[in-house]
């Protein structure tokens, strides 16, 4: 597996709408493996394929909760949402900054897993926020465009 370079703010590829994955195959599985290596190297909680130059609808989320497997969802779509909450977000594609963004407090997300089987997630709190953030990436939307305020933060 490979740690890939994460595209940074200003790269036009981050503003592209990603194509649907038509078939889960070896290439898709290799992409997922590379996304995992890249996410963990970057110490983030989520990564979308376009952040590593692949304009496909693949998302990886790992909140680091014990006994929870990372969520890998292909062709994710939010089918329901409710509530609203403002909180801080950051992004591996915009290091050193965070912004205050309103997101739904609860979402339902459907897609397929790495075996091509349908999956559905009922998410709230941080997981709902992460789904919204990463799915935005697939649609070429960066959180900075949704932020009310941006703040510089120290990079460790």
N, C-alpha and C. Protein backbone atom coordinates (compact mmCIF):
# COMPACT_ATOMS: atom_id res chain seq x y z
N UNK A 1 0.83 -1.17 0.00
CA UNK A 1 0.00 0.00 0.00
C UNK A 1 0.88 1.24 0.00
N UNK A 2 0.26 2.37 -0.28
CA UNK A 2 1.03 3.59 -0.49
C UNK A 2 0.40 4.78 0.22
N UNK A 3 1.26 5.59 0.82
CA UNK A 3 0.81 6.88 1.33
C UNK A 3 0.90 7.85 0.16
N UNK A 4 -0.24 8.41 -0.20
CA UNK A 4 -0.27 9.34 -1.34
C UNK A 4 -0.24 10.78 -0.85
N UNK A 5 0.20 11.66 -1.73
CA UNK A 5 0.21 13.09 -1.43
C UNK A 5 -1.22 13.61 -1.45
N UNK A 6 -1.55 14.40 -0.45
CA UNK A 6 -2.89 14.98 -0.35
C UNK A 6 -2.89 16.33 -1.05
N UNK A 7 -3.83 16.50 -1.96
CA UNK A 7 -3.97 17.78 -2.65
C UNK A 7 -4.29 18.87 -1.64
N UNK A 8 -3.75 20.05 -1.87
CA UNK A 8 -3.96 21.17 -0.96
C UNK A 8 -4.86 22.23 -1.58
N UNK A 9 -5.47 23.01 -0.71
CA UNK A 9 -6.35 24.10 -1.10
C UNK A 9 -5.71 24.91 -2.22
N UNK A 10 -6.50 25.21 -3.22
CA UNK A 10 -6.01 25.94 -4.38
C UNK A 10 -5.86 25.04 -5.60
N UNK A 11 -5.73 23.74 -5.38
CA UNK A 11 -5.64 22.79 -6.49
C UNK A 11 -7.04 22.62 -7.08
N UNK A 12 -7.19 22.91 -8.35
CA UNK A 12 -8.50 22.89 -9.00
C UNK A 12 -9.18 21.52 -8.96
N UNK A 13 -8.42 20.45 -8.84
CA UNK A 13 -9.02 19.12 -8.80
C UNK A 13 -9.92 18.93 -7.58
N UNK A 14 -9.68 19.70 -6.53
CA UNK A 14 -10.54 19.62 -5.34
C UNK A 14 -11.94 20.18 -5.59
N UNK A 15 -12.11 20.90 -6.68
CA UNK A 15 -13.40 21.51 -7.00
C UNK A 15 -14.16 20.75 -8.08
N UNK A 16 -13.70 19.55 -8.41
CA UNK A 16 -14.35 18.74 -9.44
C UNK A 16 -15.38 17.80 -8.82
N UNK A 17 -16.44 17.54 -9.57
CA UNK A 17 -17.43 16.55 -9.16
C UNK A 17 -16.92 15.17 -9.56
N UNK A 18 -16.98 14.26 -8.63
CA UNK A 18 -16.42 12.91 -8.85
C UNK A 18 -17.41 11.98 -9.55
N UNK A 19 -16.85 11.04 -10.27
CA UNK A 19 -17.63 10.05 -11.00
C UNK A 19 -18.02 8.89 -10.08
N UNK A 20 -19.17 8.33 -10.36
CA UNK A 20 -19.65 7.16 -9.65
C UNK A 20 -18.72 5.97 -9.93
N UNK A 21 -18.51 5.14 -8.93
CA UNK A 21 -17.77 3.89 -9.11
C UNK A 21 -18.75 2.89 -9.69
N UNK A 22 -18.48 2.41 -10.90
CA UNK A 22 -19.41 1.50 -11.57
C UNK A 22 -19.28 0.06 -11.09
N UNK A 23 -18.07 -0.32 -10.69
CA UNK A 23 -17.84 -1.69 -10.25
C UNK A 23 -16.71 -1.70 -9.23
N UNK A 24 -16.93 -2.40 -8.12
CA UNK A 24 -15.87 -2.56 -7.13
C UNK A 24 -14.95 -3.66 -7.64
N UNK A 25 -13.71 -3.27 -7.92
CA UNK A 25 -12.73 -4.22 -8.45
C UNK A 25 -11.39 -4.04 -7.73
N UNK A 26 -10.38 -4.71 -8.22
CA UNK A 26 -9.05 -4.65 -7.58
C UNK A 26 -8.53 -3.21 -7.53
N UNK A 27 -8.78 -2.45 -8.56
CA UNK A 27 -8.34 -1.05 -8.59
C UNK A 27 -9.01 -0.25 -7.47
N UNK A 28 -10.29 -0.50 -7.25
CA UNK A 28 -11.04 0.17 -6.18
C UNK A 28 -10.47 -0.23 -4.82
N UNK A 29 -10.21 -1.51 -4.64
CA UNK A 29 -9.68 -1.99 -3.36
C UNK A 29 -8.29 -1.43 -3.09
N UNK A 30 -7.46 -1.32 -4.13
CA UNK A 30 -6.14 -0.71 -3.98
C UNK A 30 -6.26 0.76 -3.58
N UNK A 31 -7.23 1.46 -4.18
CA UNK A 31 -7.48 2.85 -3.82
C UNK A 31 -7.83 2.95 -2.34
N UNK A 32 -8.73 2.09 -1.87
CA UNK A 32 -9.14 2.10 -0.47
C UNK A 32 -7.93 1.86 0.44
N UNK A 33 -7.08 0.91 0.09
CA UNK A 33 -5.88 0.64 0.89
C UNK A 33 -4.98 1.87 0.95
N UNK A 34 -4.77 2.52 -0.18
CA UNK A 34 -3.95 3.73 -0.22
C UNK A 34 -4.59 4.86 0.59
N UNK A 35 -5.91 4.96 0.52
CA UNK A 35 -6.61 5.99 1.30
C UNK A 35 -6.42 5.75 2.80
N UNK A 36 -6.47 4.50 3.23
CA UNK A 36 -6.27 4.18 4.64
C UNK A 36 -4.87 4.57 5.08
N UNK A 37 -3.87 4.18 4.31
CA UNK A 37 -2.49 4.52 4.65
C UNK A 37 -2.30 6.03 4.71
N UNK A 38 -2.90 6.73 3.76
CA UNK A 38 -2.77 8.18 3.69
C UNK A 38 -3.48 8.86 4.85
N UNK A 39 -4.69 8.41 5.17
CA UNK A 39 -5.44 8.99 6.27
C UNK A 39 -4.68 8.83 7.58
N UNK A 40 -4.19 7.64 7.86
CA UNK A 40 -3.52 7.40 9.14
C UNK A 40 -2.19 8.15 9.22
N UNK A 41 -1.51 8.28 8.11
CA UNK A 41 -0.26 9.06 8.08
C UNK A 41 -0.56 10.54 8.37
N UNK A 42 -1.70 11.02 7.89
CA UNK A 42 -2.07 12.42 8.07
C UNK A 42 -2.78 12.72 9.38
N UNK A 43 -3.08 11.68 10.16
CA UNK A 43 -3.77 11.83 11.44
C UNK A 43 -5.12 12.54 11.31
N UNK A 44 -5.86 12.21 10.26
CA UNK A 44 -7.19 12.78 10.08
C UNK A 44 -8.25 11.79 10.51
N UNK A 45 -9.52 12.21 10.37
CA UNK A 45 -10.63 11.30 10.68
C UNK A 45 -11.40 10.93 9.42
N UNK A 46 -11.10 11.59 8.31
CA UNK A 46 -11.80 11.29 7.07
C UNK A 46 -10.97 11.67 5.87
N UNK A 47 -11.23 10.98 4.77
CA UNK A 47 -10.53 11.25 3.52
C UNK A 47 -11.44 10.85 2.37
N UNK A 48 -11.48 11.68 1.36
CA UNK A 48 -12.23 11.39 0.14
C UNK A 48 -11.23 11.19 -0.99
N UNK A 49 -11.57 10.31 -1.92
CA UNK A 49 -10.67 9.96 -3.02
C UNK A 49 -10.14 11.18 -3.79
N UNK A 50 -10.94 12.22 -4.05
CA UNK A 50 -10.38 13.34 -4.81
C UNK A 50 -9.23 14.05 -4.09
N UNK A 51 -9.14 13.89 -2.78
CA UNK A 51 -8.05 14.51 -2.06
C UNK A 51 -6.70 13.88 -2.41
N UNK A 52 -6.74 12.68 -2.97
CA UNK A 52 -5.49 12.04 -3.41
C UNK A 52 -5.48 11.84 -4.93
N UNK A 53 -6.15 12.75 -5.63
CA UNK A 53 -6.13 12.84 -7.09
C UNK A 53 -7.00 11.83 -7.82
N UNK A 54 -7.86 11.12 -7.14
CA UNK A 54 -8.72 10.12 -7.78
C UNK A 54 -10.16 10.66 -7.75
N UNK A 55 -10.69 11.01 -8.90
CA UNK A 55 -12.01 11.64 -8.97
C UNK A 55 -13.12 10.59 -9.04
N UNK A 56 -13.17 9.78 -7.99
CA UNK A 56 -14.17 8.74 -7.83
C UNK A 56 -14.87 8.93 -6.49
N UNK A 57 -16.10 8.42 -6.38
CA UNK A 57 -16.93 8.62 -5.20
C UNK A 57 -16.63 7.55 -4.14
N UNK A 58 -15.52 7.75 -3.44
CA UNK A 58 -15.09 6.83 -2.38
C UNK A 58 -14.71 7.67 -1.16
N UNK A 59 -15.21 7.25 0.01
CA UNK A 59 -14.97 7.96 1.26
C UNK A 59 -14.51 6.97 2.32
N UNK A 60 -13.59 7.44 3.15
CA UNK A 60 -13.10 6.67 4.30
C UNK A 60 -13.24 7.55 5.53
N UNK A 61 -13.83 7.00 6.59
CA UNK A 61 -13.97 7.73 7.85
C UNK A 61 -13.55 6.80 8.98
N UNK A 62 -12.70 7.32 9.86
CA UNK A 62 -12.30 6.58 11.05
C UNK A 62 -12.21 7.56 12.21
N UNK A 63 -13.17 7.49 13.10
CA UNK A 63 -13.21 8.40 14.24
C UNK A 63 -12.28 7.95 15.37
N UNK A 64 -11.62 6.80 15.17
CA UNK A 64 -10.67 6.33 16.17
C UNK A 64 -11.32 5.74 17.40
N UNK A 65 -12.57 5.37 17.30
CA UNK A 65 -13.26 4.77 18.43
C UNK A 65 -12.84 3.31 18.58
N UNK A 66 -12.64 2.90 19.81
CA UNK A 66 -12.23 1.52 20.06
C UNK A 66 -13.28 0.55 19.54
N UNK A 67 -12.81 -0.55 18.99
CA UNK A 67 -13.64 -1.64 18.47
C UNK A 67 -14.51 -1.24 17.27
N UNK A 68 -14.28 -0.08 16.73
CA UNK A 68 -15.03 0.34 15.54
C UNK A 68 -14.11 0.24 14.32
N UNK A 69 -14.61 -0.36 13.28
CA UNK A 69 -13.84 -0.45 12.04
C UNK A 69 -13.99 0.86 11.28
N UNK A 70 -12.99 1.19 10.47
CA UNK A 70 -13.17 2.38 9.63
C UNK A 70 -14.36 2.17 8.70
N UNK A 71 -15.04 3.26 8.41
CA UNK A 71 -16.17 3.21 7.47
C UNK A 71 -15.62 3.48 6.08
N UNK A 72 -15.86 2.55 5.19
CA UNK A 72 -15.50 2.72 3.78
C UNK A 72 -16.81 2.66 3.02
N UNK A 73 -17.12 3.74 2.35
CA UNK A 73 -18.39 3.77 1.62
C UNK A 73 -18.15 4.30 0.22
N UNK A 74 -18.70 3.58 -0.73
CA UNK A 74 -18.54 3.89 -2.15
C UNK A 74 -19.88 4.42 -2.66
N UNK A 75 -19.82 5.46 -3.45
CA UNK A 75 -21.01 6.12 -3.99
C UNK A 75 -21.98 6.56 -2.88
N UNK A 76 -21.44 7.20 -1.82
CA UNK A 76 -22.33 7.60 -0.72
C UNK A 76 -23.29 8.70 -1.12
N UNK A 77 -24.46 8.64 -0.51
CA UNK A 77 -25.49 9.65 -0.76
C UNK A 77 -26.25 9.87 0.53
N UNK A 78 -26.45 11.14 0.89
CA UNK A 78 -27.25 11.47 2.06
C UNK A 78 -28.71 11.44 1.62
N UNK A 79 -29.49 10.57 2.28
CA UNK A 79 -30.90 10.42 1.90
C UNK A 79 -31.84 11.10 2.88
N UNK A 80 -31.35 11.43 4.07
CA UNK A 80 -32.15 12.15 5.05
C UNK A 80 -31.21 12.91 5.98
N UNK A 81 -31.71 14.05 6.46
CA UNK A 81 -30.93 14.82 7.43
C UNK A 81 -31.88 15.61 8.31
N UNK A 82 -31.41 15.89 9.53
CA UNK A 82 -32.21 16.69 10.45
C UNK A 82 -31.31 17.41 11.42
N UNK A 83 -31.86 18.43 12.05
CA UNK A 83 -31.13 19.21 13.01
C UNK A 83 -30.07 20.09 12.36
N UNK A 84 -29.44 20.90 13.18
CA UNK A 84 -28.37 21.76 12.71
C UNK A 84 -27.50 22.14 13.89
N UNK A 85 -26.19 22.11 13.66
CA UNK A 85 -25.25 22.44 14.71
C UNK A 85 -24.03 23.09 14.10
N UNK A 86 -23.54 24.13 14.75
CA UNK A 86 -22.32 24.78 14.31
C UNK A 86 -21.16 24.26 15.15
N UNK A 87 -20.09 23.86 14.45
CA UNK A 87 -18.90 23.37 15.16
C UNK A 87 -17.70 23.61 14.26
N UNK A 88 -16.54 23.36 14.83
CA UNK A 88 -15.29 23.55 14.09
C UNK A 88 -14.98 22.35 13.23
N UNK A 89 -14.44 22.61 12.05
CA UNK A 89 -13.95 21.57 11.16
C UNK A 89 -12.57 21.96 10.66
N UNK A 90 -11.79 20.94 10.38
CA UNK A 90 -10.51 21.12 9.72
C UNK A 90 -10.47 20.19 8.53
N UNK A 91 -9.36 20.20 7.81
CA UNK A 91 -9.27 19.37 6.60
C UNK A 91 -7.81 19.09 6.28
N UNK A 92 -7.55 17.86 5.90
CA UNK A 92 -6.19 17.49 5.49
C UNK A 92 -5.75 18.23 4.23
N UNK A 93 -6.69 18.82 3.51
CA UNK A 93 -6.36 19.59 2.31
C UNK A 93 -6.23 21.09 2.60
N UNK A 94 -6.33 21.46 3.88
CA UNK A 94 -6.18 22.88 4.25
C UNK A 94 -5.61 22.93 5.66
N UNK A 95 -4.38 22.44 5.78
CA UNK A 95 -3.73 22.34 7.08
C UNK A 95 -3.47 23.72 7.68
N UNK A 96 -3.59 23.79 8.99
CA UNK A 96 -3.31 25.03 9.70
C UNK A 96 -4.50 25.94 9.87
N UNK A 97 -5.67 25.49 9.46
CA UNK A 97 -6.89 26.30 9.58
C UNK A 97 -8.05 25.43 10.02
N UNK A 98 -9.01 26.07 10.66
CA UNK A 98 -10.28 25.44 10.97
C UNK A 98 -11.36 26.49 10.81
N UNK A 99 -12.56 26.00 10.55
CA UNK A 99 -13.67 26.92 10.34
C UNK A 99 -14.91 26.47 11.08
N UNK A 100 -15.76 27.42 11.41
CA UNK A 100 -17.03 27.12 12.05
C UNK A 100 -18.08 26.89 10.96
N UNK A 101 -18.64 25.68 10.95
CA UNK A 101 -19.55 25.27 9.87
C UNK A 101 -20.82 24.69 10.48
N UNK A 102 -21.96 25.10 9.92
CA UNK A 102 -23.24 24.47 10.28
C UNK A 102 -23.38 23.18 9.49
N UNK A 103 -23.73 22.11 10.17
CA UNK A 103 -24.00 20.81 9.54
C UNK A 103 -25.22 20.20 10.21
N UNK A 104 -25.89 19.26 9.53
CA UNK A 104 -26.98 18.52 10.17
C UNK A 104 -26.45 17.73 11.36
N UNK A 105 -27.28 17.59 12.39
CA UNK A 105 -26.86 16.80 13.55
C UNK A 105 -27.07 15.31 13.31
N UNK A 106 -27.98 14.98 12.40
CA UNK A 106 -28.28 13.57 12.09
C UNK A 106 -28.41 13.40 10.59
N UNK A 107 -27.81 12.34 10.05
CA UNK A 107 -27.93 12.03 8.63
C UNK A 107 -28.12 10.53 8.43
N UNK A 108 -28.76 10.20 7.32
CA UNK A 108 -28.82 8.83 6.85
C UNK A 108 -28.04 8.81 5.54
N UNK A 109 -27.09 7.88 5.46
CA UNK A 109 -26.23 7.78 4.28
C UNK A 109 -26.33 6.37 3.73
N UNK A 110 -26.51 6.27 2.42
CA UNK A 110 -26.53 4.97 1.75
C UNK A 110 -25.41 4.93 0.71
N UNK A 111 -25.00 3.73 0.38
CA UNK A 111 -23.96 3.52 -0.63
C UNK A 111 -23.69 2.03 -0.72
N UNK A 112 -22.47 1.69 -1.13
CA UNK A 112 -22.07 0.28 -1.16
C UNK A 112 -20.75 0.12 -0.43
N UNK A 113 -20.50 -1.10 0.04
CA UNK A 113 -19.25 -1.38 0.73
C UNK A 113 -18.22 -1.94 -0.25
N UNK A 114 -17.08 -2.38 0.27
CA UNK A 114 -16.00 -2.86 -0.61
C UNK A 114 -16.30 -4.21 -1.25
N UNK A 115 -17.40 -4.83 -0.86
CA UNK A 115 -17.83 -6.07 -1.50
C UNK A 115 -18.94 -5.81 -2.51
N UNK A 116 -19.30 -4.52 -2.68
CA UNK A 116 -20.35 -4.15 -3.62
C UNK A 116 -21.75 -4.32 -3.06
N UNK A 117 -21.85 -4.55 -1.76
CA UNK A 117 -23.15 -4.75 -1.10
C UNK A 117 -23.70 -3.42 -0.59
N UNK A 118 -25.01 -3.22 -0.66
CA UNK A 118 -25.61 -1.99 -0.14
C UNK A 118 -25.37 -1.83 1.36
N UNK A 119 -25.10 -0.60 1.77
CA UNK A 119 -24.94 -0.28 3.19
C UNK A 119 -25.74 0.98 3.50
N UNK A 120 -26.12 1.09 4.77
CA UNK A 120 -26.86 2.25 5.23
C UNK A 120 -26.34 2.61 6.62
N UNK A 121 -26.08 3.89 6.83
CA UNK A 121 -25.63 4.38 8.12
C UNK A 121 -26.58 5.44 8.63
N UNK A 122 -26.95 5.31 9.89
CA UNK A 122 -27.69 6.34 10.61
C UNK A 122 -26.65 6.98 11.51
N UNK A 123 -26.30 8.23 11.23
CA UNK A 123 -25.20 8.86 11.94
C UNK A 123 -25.65 10.13 12.63
N UNK A 124 -25.02 10.41 13.76
CA UNK A 124 -25.27 11.66 14.46
C UNK A 124 -23.95 12.21 14.97
N UNK A 125 -23.98 13.47 15.41
CA UNK A 125 -22.80 14.09 15.98
C UNK A 125 -21.62 14.16 15.02
N UNK A 126 -20.45 13.80 15.52
CA UNK A 126 -19.22 13.90 14.74
C UNK A 126 -19.25 13.03 13.48
N UNK A 127 -19.84 11.85 13.58
CA UNK A 127 -19.91 10.99 12.40
C UNK A 127 -20.78 11.62 11.32
N UNK A 128 -21.90 12.21 11.70
CA UNK A 128 -22.75 12.90 10.71
C UNK A 128 -21.97 14.04 10.06
N UNK A 129 -21.24 14.80 10.85
CA UNK A 129 -20.42 15.91 10.34
C UNK A 129 -19.36 15.38 9.37
N UNK A 130 -18.71 14.29 9.74
CA UNK A 130 -17.68 13.72 8.88
C UNK A 130 -18.27 13.24 7.55
N UNK A 131 -19.42 12.57 7.59
CA UNK A 131 -20.08 12.16 6.35
C UNK A 131 -20.34 13.38 5.46
N UNK A 132 -20.91 14.42 6.03
CA UNK A 132 -21.23 15.62 5.25
C UNK A 132 -19.97 16.23 4.64
N UNK A 133 -18.92 16.35 5.44
CA UNK A 133 -17.67 16.94 4.99
C UNK A 133 -17.07 16.15 3.83
N UNK A 134 -16.99 14.83 4.00
CA UNK A 134 -16.35 13.99 2.97
C UNK A 134 -17.21 13.90 1.71
N UNK A 135 -18.51 13.81 1.85
CA UNK A 135 -19.39 13.76 0.67
C UNK A 135 -19.33 15.09 -0.07
N UNK A 136 -19.20 16.19 0.66
CA UNK A 136 -18.98 17.48 -0.01
C UNK A 136 -17.75 17.42 -0.92
N UNK A 137 -16.68 16.79 -0.45
CA UNK A 137 -15.47 16.65 -1.29
C UNK A 137 -15.80 15.99 -2.62
N UNK A 138 -16.67 15.00 -2.59
CA UNK A 138 -17.03 14.27 -3.82
C UNK A 138 -17.79 15.16 -4.80
N UNK A 139 -18.39 16.21 -4.27
CA UNK A 139 -19.14 17.15 -5.11
C UNK A 139 -18.35 18.42 -5.39
N UNK A 140 -17.07 18.41 -5.05
CA UNK A 140 -16.21 19.55 -5.33
C UNK A 140 -16.43 20.74 -4.41
N UNK A 141 -17.01 20.48 -3.23
CA UNK A 141 -17.30 21.54 -2.27
C UNK A 141 -16.33 21.43 -1.10
N UNK A 142 -15.63 22.52 -0.80
CA UNK A 142 -14.71 22.54 0.33
C UNK A 142 -15.37 23.22 1.52
N UNK A 143 -15.05 22.75 2.70
CA UNK A 143 -15.73 23.27 3.90
C UNK A 143 -15.53 24.77 4.07
N UNK A 144 -14.45 25.32 3.56
CA UNK A 144 -14.20 26.75 3.71
C UNK A 144 -15.32 27.58 3.08
N UNK A 145 -15.94 27.04 2.03
CA UNK A 145 -17.03 27.77 1.38
C UNK A 145 -18.30 27.76 2.23
N UNK A 146 -18.37 26.88 3.22
CA UNK A 146 -19.52 26.81 4.12
C UNK A 146 -19.23 27.47 5.48
N UNK A 147 -17.97 27.79 5.74
CA UNK A 147 -17.57 28.30 7.05
C UNK A 147 -18.01 29.75 7.25
N UNK A 148 -18.47 30.01 8.46
CA UNK A 148 -18.81 31.38 8.83
C UNK A 148 -17.54 32.15 9.18
N UNK A 149 -16.63 31.50 9.84
CA UNK A 149 -15.35 32.11 10.21
C UNK A 149 -14.25 31.07 10.04
N UNK A 150 -13.07 31.54 9.67
CA UNK A 150 -11.89 30.68 9.58
C UNK A 150 -10.88 31.16 10.62
N UNK A 151 -10.17 30.22 11.22
CA UNK A 151 -9.17 30.53 12.24
C UNK A 151 -7.89 29.77 11.91
N UNK A 152 -6.79 30.46 12.05
CA UNK A 152 -5.50 29.79 11.89
C UNK A 152 -5.21 29.02 13.18
N UNK A 153 -4.70 27.80 13.01
CA UNK A 153 -4.35 26.97 14.16
C UNK A 153 -2.92 26.49 13.98
N UNK A 154 -2.22 26.25 15.08
CA UNK A 154 -0.83 25.77 14.96
C UNK A 154 -0.80 24.35 14.39
N UNK A 155 0.16 24.10 13.52
CA UNK A 155 0.38 22.76 12.99
C UNK A 155 1.41 22.07 13.86
N UNK A 156 1.03 20.90 14.34
CA UNK A 156 1.93 20.14 15.23
C UNK A 156 2.87 19.27 14.44
